[in-house]
Amino acid sequence: MLLDVGANVDCTANNLEQFAVMGDIYCRSIFGMKHPRVGLLSIGEEEGKGNELTRTAFQLLKRLPINFIATSKAATYTTDMSTSSWPTDL
Protein backbone atom coordinates (compact mmCIF):
# COMPACT_ATOMS: atom_id res chain seq x y z
CA MET A 1 0.00 0.00 0.00
CA LEU A 2 1.50 3.34 -0.99
CA LEU A 3 0.28 6.47 0.80
CA ASP A 4 0.44 10.15 -0.18
CA VAL A 5 2.25 9.91 -3.49
CA GLY A 6 2.16 13.66 -4.01
CA ALA A 7 -1.53 14.14 -3.23
CA ASN A 8 -0.55 16.69 -0.59
CA VAL A 9 1.93 19.24 -1.88
CA ASP A 10 2.91 20.67 1.51
CA CYS A 11 3.17 17.73 3.88
CA THR A 12 4.84 18.07 7.22
CA ALA A 13 6.83 15.39 8.99
CA ASN A 14 3.86 15.03 11.34
CA ASN A 15 1.59 14.36 8.33
CA LEU A 16 3.91 11.57 7.17
CA GLU A 17 3.88 10.18 10.71
CA GLN A 18 0.06 10.20 10.67
CA PHE A 19 0.00 8.51 7.26
CA ALA A 20 2.27 5.78 8.63
CA VAL A 21 -0.08 5.14 11.55
CA MET A 22 -3.14 5.16 9.25
CA GLY A 23 -1.44 2.75 6.84
CA ASP A 24 -0.46 0.44 9.68
CA ILE A 25 -4.01 0.39 11.04
CA TYR A 26 -5.49 -0.10 7.56
CA CYS A 27 -3.18 -3.03 6.75
CA ARG A 28 -4.02 -4.66 10.09
CA SER A 29 -7.79 -4.07 9.81
CA ILE A 30 -8.48 -4.62 6.12
CA PHE A 31 -5.73 -7.03 5.03
CA GLY A 32 -5.40 -8.89 8.34
CA MET A 33 -1.63 -8.30 8.56
CA LYS A 34 -0.27 -8.81 12.07
CA HIS A 35 2.92 -6.79 11.68
CA PRO A 36 2.82 -4.72 8.47
CA ARG A 37 6.16 -3.19 7.62
CA VAL A 38 6.17 0.58 7.31
CA GLY A 39 8.85 2.34 5.29
CA LEU A 40 9.60 5.86 4.16
CA LEU A 41 10.48 6.42 0.51
CA SER A 42 13.59 8.54 0.08
CA ILE A 43 16.52 8.97 -2.28
CA GLY A 44 18.49 6.27 -0.49
CA GLU A 45 18.33 3.70 2.24
CA GLU A 46 20.67 5.38 4.71
CA GLU A 47 19.14 7.17 7.70
CA GLY A 48 20.68 10.55 6.82
CA LYS A 49 19.55 10.57 3.18
CA GLY A 50 16.86 12.87 1.86
CA ASN A 51 15.75 16.39 2.56
CA GLU A 52 14.94 17.84 5.98
CA LEU A 53 11.33 16.65 5.75
CA THR A 54 12.40 13.06 5.16
CA ARG A 55 15.06 13.13 7.88
CA THR A 56 12.60 14.60 10.41
CA ALA A 57 9.88 12.11 9.48
CA PHE A 58 12.41 9.30 9.86
CA GLN A 59 13.08 10.34 13.47
CA LEU A 60 9.33 10.49 14.22
CA LEU A 61 8.64 7.11 12.64
CA LYS A 62 11.44 5.44 14.61
CA ARG A 63 9.64 6.29 17.85
CA LEU A 64 6.25 4.90 16.85
CA PRO A 65 5.03 1.49 18.06
CA ILE A 66 4.85 0.21 14.48
CA ASN A 67 7.10 -2.07 12.44
CA PHE A 68 9.13 0.77 10.86
CA ILE A 69 11.78 -0.68 8.57
CA ALA A 70 13.55 2.59 7.69
CA THR A 71 13.90 4.45 4.42
CA SER A 72 13.95 2.79 1.05
CA LYS A 73 14.35 3.69 -2.60
CA ALA A 74 11.40 3.37 -4.96
CA ALA A 75 13.04 0.40 -6.68
CA THR A 76 12.93 -1.53 -3.42
CA TYR A 77 9.26 -0.70 -2.93
CA THR A 78 8.26 -2.00 -6.34
CA THR A 79 9.97 -5.34 -5.74
CA ASP A 80 8.65 -5.87 -2.20
CA MET A 81 5.06 -4.60 -2.14
CA SER A 82 3.28 -7.50 -0.51
CA THR A 83 3.51 -6.64 3.19
CA SER A 84 4.21 -2.95 3.45
CA SER A 85 2.72 0.47 4.01
CA TRP A 86 4.79 3.43 2.70
CA PRO A 87 4.07 7.03 3.59
CA THR A 88 5.95 9.31 1.25
CA ASP A 89 6.44 12.88 0.21
CA LEU A 90 7.23 11.96 -3.41
C-alpha atoms as a PDB file:
ATOM      1  CA  MET A   1       0.000   0.000   0.000  1.00  0.00           C
ATOM      2  CA  LEU A   2       1.501   3.339  -0.995  1.00  0.00           C
ATOM      3  CA  LEU A   3       0.284   6.468   0.804  1.00  0.00           C
ATOM      4  CA  ASP A   4       0.439  10.146  -0.183  1.00  0.00           C
ATOM      5  CA  VAL A   5       2.252   9.911  -3.487  1.00  0.00           C
ATOM      6  CA  GLY A   6       2.158  13.661  -4.008  1.00  0.00           C
ATOM      7  CA  ALA A   7      -1.528  14.143  -3.233  1.00  0.00           C
ATOM      8  CA  ASN A   8      -0.547  16.689  -0.588  1.00  0.00           C
ATOM      9  CA  VAL A   9       1.929  19.243  -1.876  1.00  0.00           C
ATOM     10  CA  ASP A  10       2.910  20.673   1.509  1.00  0.00           C
ATOM     11  CA  CYS A  11       3.168  17.726   3.875  1.00  0.00           C
ATOM     12  CA  THR A  12       4.844  18.075   7.216  1.00  0.00           C
ATOM     13  CA  ALA A  13       6.830  15.391   8.985  1.00  0.00           C
ATOM     14  CA  ASN A  14       3.856  15.027  11.337  1.00  0.00           C
ATOM     15  CA  ASN A  15       1.591  14.363   8.333  1.00  0.00           C
ATOM     16  CA  LEU A  16       3.906  11.567   7.174  1.00  0.00           C
ATOM     17  CA  GLU A  17       3.879  10.177  10.712  1.00  0.00           C
ATOM     18  CA  GLN A  18       0.064  10.204  10.668  1.00  0.00           C
ATOM     19  CA  PHE A  19      -0.004   8.512   7.260  1.00  0.00           C
ATOM     20  CA  ALA A  20       2.266   5.781   8.633  1.00  0.00           C
ATOM     21  CA  VAL A  21      -0.082   5.143  11.546  1.00  0.00           C
ATOM     22  CA  MET A  22      -3.142   5.156   9.253  1.00  0.00           C
ATOM     23  CA  GLY A  23      -1.439   2.752   6.842  1.00  0.00           C
ATOM     24  CA  ASP A  24      -0.459   0.435   9.679  1.00  0.00           C
ATOM     25  CA  ILE A  25      -4.007   0.391  11.037  1.00  0.00           C
ATOM     26  CA  TYR A  26      -5.486  -0.096   7.559  1.00  0.00           C
ATOM     27  CA  CYS A  27      -3.182  -3.030   6.748  1.00  0.00           C
ATOM     28  CA  ARG A  28      -4.023  -4.661  10.092  1.00  0.00           C
ATOM     29  CA  SER A  29      -7.786  -4.069   9.812  1.00  0.00           C
ATOM     30  CA  ILE A  30      -8.483  -4.619   6.118  1.00  0.00           C
ATOM     31  CA  PHE A  31      -5.734  -7.032   5.031  1.00  0.00           C
ATOM     32  CA  GLY A  32      -5.396  -8.890   8.337  1.00  0.00           C
ATOM     33  CA  MET A  33      -1.634  -8.298   8.558  1.00  0.00           C
ATOM     34  CA  LYS A  34      -0.274  -8.815  12.066  1.00  0.00           C
ATOM     35  CA  HIS A  35       2.916  -6.791  11.678  1.00  0.00           C
ATOM     36  CA  PRO A  36       2.816  -4.724   8.467  1.00  0.00           C
ATOM     37  CA  ARG A  37       6.163  -3.189   7.616  1.00  0.00           C
ATOM     38  CA  VAL A  38       6.175   0.580   7.306  1.00  0.00           C
ATOM     39  CA  GLY A  39       8.845   2.337   5.291  1.00  0.00           C
ATOM     40  CA  LEU A  40       9.598   5.857   4.164  1.00  0.00           C
ATOM     41  CA  LEU A  41      10.484   6.423   0.510  1.00  0.00           C
ATOM     42  CA  SER A  42      13.592   8.535   0.082  1.00  0.00           C
ATOM     43  CA  ILE A  43      16.525   8.975  -2.281  1.00  0.00           C
ATOM     44  CA  GLY A  44      18.487   6.275  -0.487  1.00  0.00           C
ATOM     45  CA  GLU A  45      18.333   3.695   2.240  1.00  0.00           C
ATOM     46  CA  GLU A  46      20.674   5.381   4.715  1.00  0.00           C
ATOM     47  CA  GLU A  47      19.138   7.173   7.700  1.00  0.00           C
ATOM     48  CA  GLY A  48      20.679  10.552   6.820  1.00  0.00           C
ATOM     49  CA  LYS A  49      19.545  10.568   3.181  1.00  0.00           C
ATOM     50  CA  GLY A  50      16.857  12.869   1.855  1.00  0.00           C
ATOM     51  CA  ASN A  51      15.746  16.391   2.562  1.00  0.00           C
ATOM     52  CA  GLU A  52      14.941  17.841   5.981  1.00  0.00           C
ATOM     53  CA  LEU A  53      11.334  16.646   5.754  1.00  0.00           C
ATOM     54  CA  THR A  54      12.402  13.056   5.160  1.00  0.00           C
ATOM     55  CA  ARG A  55      15.056  13.131   7.882  1.00  0.00           C
ATOM     56  CA  THR A  56      12.604  14.599  10.411  1.00  0.00           C
ATOM     57  CA  ALA A  57       9.878  12.112   9.476  1.00  0.00           C
ATOM     58  CA  PHE A  58      12.408   9.300   9.862  1.00  0.00           C
ATOM     59  CA  GLN A  59      13.077  10.335  13.472  1.00  0.00           C
ATOM     60  CA  LEU A  60       9.335  10.495  14.217  1.00  0.00           C
ATOM     61  CA  LEU A  61       8.638   7.108  12.639  1.00  0.00           C
ATOM     62  CA  LYS A  62      11.441   5.439  14.609  1.00  0.00           C
ATOM     63  CA  ARG A  63       9.636   6.292  17.849  1.00  0.00           C
ATOM     64  CA  LEU A  64       6.245   4.900  16.852  1.00  0.00           C
ATOM     65  CA  PRO A  65       5.029   1.493  18.064  1.00  0.00           C
ATOM     66  CA  ILE A  66       4.851   0.211  14.479  1.00  0.00           C
ATOM     67  CA  ASN A  67       7.100  -2.065  12.436  1.00  0.00           C
ATOM     68  CA  PHE A  68       9.129   0.768  10.864  1.00  0.00           C
ATOM     69  CA  ILE A  69      11.779  -0.677   8.567  1.00  0.00           C
ATOM     70  CA  ALA A  70      13.551   2.590   7.689  1.00  0.00           C
ATOM     71  CA  THR A  71      13.901   4.445   4.417  1.00  0.00           C
ATOM     72  CA  SER A  72      13.948   2.793   1.052  1.00  0.00           C
ATOM     73  CA  LYS A  73      14.351   3.687  -2.597  1.00  0.00           C
ATOM     74  CA  ALA A  74      11.399   3.371  -4.960  1.00  0.00           C
ATOM     75  CA  ALA A  75      13.043   0.397  -6.685  1.00  0.00           C
ATOM     76  CA  THR A  76      12.931  -1.532  -3.416  1.00  0.00           C
ATOM     77  CA  TYR A  77       9.264  -0.699  -2.928  1.00  0.00           C
ATOM     78  CA  THR A  78       8.256  -2.001  -6.337  1.00  0.00           C
ATOM     79  CA  THR A  79       9.968  -5.339  -5.743  1.00  0.00           C
ATOM     80  CA  ASP A  80       8.647  -5.866  -2.204  1.00  0.00           C
ATOM     81  CA  MET A  81       5.062  -4.596  -2.142  1.00  0.00           C
ATOM     82  CA  SER A  82       3.280  -7.504  -0.510  1.00  0.00           C
ATOM     83  CA  THR A  83       3.511  -6.640   3.192  1.00  0.00           C
ATOM     84  CA  SER A  84       4.205  -2.954   3.453  1.00  0.00           C
ATOM     85  CA  SER A  85       2.722   0.472   4.005  1.00  0.00           C
ATOM     86  CA  TRP A  86       4.786   3.426   2.696  1.00  0.00           C
ATOM     87  CA  PRO A  87       4.073   7.034   3.590  1.00  0.00           C
ATOM     88  CA  THR A  88       5.952   9.310   1.249  1.00  0.00           C
ATOM     89  CA  ASP A  89       6.436  12.882   0.213  1.00  0.00           C
ATOM     90  CA  LEU A  90       7.226  11.957  -3.406  1.00  0.00           C
END
